[in-house]
Amino acid sequence: MEMAIGFCSPVKLFIPPIQTRRNPNKVFPNNSLSARPTVGTDRGSLCSRPSPCVGVRCSVSSAAEAAAAAATDAESVSDCDQVSLKAGRKAQLRTRRDVRNIAIVAHVDHGKTTLVDAMLRQAKVFRDNQFVQERIMDSNDLERERGITILSKNTSIFYKDTKINIIDTPGHSDFGGEVERVLNMVEGVLLVVDSVEGPMPQTRFVLKKALEFGHAVVVVVNKIDRPPARPEFVINSTFELFIELNATDEQCDFQVIYASGIKGKAGLSPDNLADDLGPLFEAIIRCIPEPTIDKDGAMQMLVTSTEYEEHKGRIAIGRLHAGVLQKGMEVKVCTSDDSCRFAKISELFVYESFSRVAVDTVEAGDICAVCGISDVLIGETIADKNLGKPLPTIKVEEPTVKMAFSINTSPFVGREGKYVTSRNLRDRLYREVERNLAMKIEDGETADTFIVSGRGTLHITILIENIYPQRIYPLIFLRRREGYEFMVGPPKVINKRVNDKLLEPFEIATVEVPEEHMGSVVELLGRRRGQMFDMQAGSEGTSIVKYKMPTRGLLGLRNAILTASRGTAVLNTVFDSYEPWAGDISTRDLGSLVAFENGTTTSYALFNSQDRGQMFVSPGVEVYKGQIVGIHQRPGDLSLNVCKKKAATNVRSNKEQTVVLDTPLDYSLDDCIEYIQEDELLEVTPSSIRMCKNPKTTKKGR
């Protein structure tokens, strides 16, 4: 990508070595060094203040300007020439130079949402005296509780009379479907990479999807103010990742911006940042192409997201690809199989700053929200009533993990929840498919069992916990806080059979672990059929090892690897491919302690039981027969009477003993799902989480 950069002061620009490129003769014409990106002041700075800001001119911008010039020339020809020109092609494509559509993608915890906060503040979205919480884009309660982004969200800012539509995306691999479905709304992405960690597994996934769409990429090396920052290593690693993903030569010549999202600073050099994010905004304007639209064509809008408001009903969100959309306009809603139905637009909104603003007209190229179509689904096309045609539907990768949901059959059923029937559970699960394209719901073997398939255990766990508050349907949500009682089986991988060969999903696991715990971690991964293919020296006395291993081996691995490394290891995974079955894998060596009868736990019984293993319950807790109350210290299950009371006699010859109980284990929902095995279930109610043995399966030996 040819570009000329002008500064207010000389700045050193990193240029990847030409010998590392796939085809150096293609990158620069005639292989001349003079054709490389140049740094200087011959073009003059586009800055309006004396700071190291940047005016970046990228080849994508040049191409867009050429297209705009061609469109202008086409408009200036005679009427006869225009008729012949239109006869030769279906529509006149133009570019909107006042709009940029971008998605911000990154690995989890690389500072993506914090960077969006700084962009919103510097764009004067908020008042100077307005209190704004951190990570304002993470508006979901569960997102703030877990500290991760779960849902893709839209916002916009204005910079130099240009509207920049920003889509904040999740960084965890289990929510990759959120990234895939919004990439068709944008022309480019900001790839945020940590200045210490460099590209991680999810970085590879989101970059692969962006390159497949042909999007322009601006690499933002974030957290550059960290003391162990190593920007040169990060840029080289990112460049190698582009090469591995078969990026084009133009995509490999990406623009690099160094930034500190928490401080709100950016620049072209890690040692010379501007006082604000001006260089980042300039890179977006110059390196992200303008939307190419068919303004005079038949209206087309692909629905990529849906929301729900009590007074407005269902809201369809997407980018207008062609034509003009007006309030009160009659449209037709088309599906991929060419079946259409008619509807009318009641309200129309665009995103400005941090809110939706009602408008009467939206032109092609902008992202908007539409009300009035109560049954619209993601992937459908809102088109012109007479001439509109459906757009290609959204495609996402298939799920790799499944879990069985069923009604609650424990003795405590109905005590804590309101919705306990299979009809309630089935209605909510099937409604989930309308919003979450990466998830699939199927009927199970019995009428009260349903199979939920997702990208990973976290993907399904978020559904159980509280995934979409006030976003789809206000009546029923599959969350523990709104009165649901149900049971969940252990996670299982989704296998495939191709040419009579059994294939299972494999993932790339990246583990950062201190060197003193390297041996135990390597041994643990080896027992789970993992194959090491890379090992690098990390920062601050750590090592980074990469394994390719079956998804089965990753079930329950997170807690085990934290135990092996004394809580210091960091595990990240991303789906790789389907490969032949790797053989049997043992994910848990110890059995369970099972309650012998119904009743209330006592200190006397727990004191005698804690020698058998680690307990999950404390005194005074109601339990039922078959409930798992602890982890056995040996393989196999063991039944215990945790409700036994001390005999009350008149013999006082023995002195009363002081009962000292160990602190019971406090397992979260994620921990319980990782713990349970084939013959065990997880009972989920609004106020409790209990594990129990599945009465329908054969019990293991005691």
Foldseek 3Di string as FASTA:
>chain_A
DFKEKAWLDFDDFDDPDLVPDPDSCVLAPVSDPVRHHDYDQPVHAPDPDNAGAMQMAAVLLVVLVVLQVVLVVLVPDDPVSVVVVCVVDPFRKHFDLQEAEEEEAEAWPLCRLLLVVQVLVVLVLDDPPDDDDGSNVQVDPVCVVVVWRQAKDWAWGGDPSHIYIYIYATNAQQNCLRLQLALVQGQAYEYEAEQFPAHDPSSLVSVLSNQVVVHAYAYEHEPLVDPNGDNVVNLVVVLVSCVVSVHDSSNSPHHYKYYYSNQQWIHSHSVGITNHCNNVVSCSSNGGHTQIARAPDWKKWAFRAWFQDPVQAIKTKTATRYYKDFAQAKWWKAAPVGDIDIWTFHWKWAHHSHDTDTDGMDTGRGIIMTTTDNPDFHQIMTIHHPDGDTDGGRDDDEFWKKKKKFFDDDPCPPVFFDDGDLVLVVVQVVVVCRGRVRKDWDDDPDSGMIMITGNDPVSVLCQQAFPDDNTHDPPDGNHQQHGYKIKMAAMDTDWDADPNFIKHWKKKKKKKAAPVLVVLLVVLCVLQVWDWDDKADHPPRIIITITIGGPVSVQLVVVVNCVSRVNGMDMGMHTDDIDGDRDDHDNDFWAFEWEQAWDFFALVQQLVVCVQFAFADDGGDTDGGFWTGGIGPGHFYHYGHRRDDDDDDPDPPDDDDDRDHDDHDDDDPSNVSSPHDRQKMWIRHSPDITIGGNPVDDGIDD
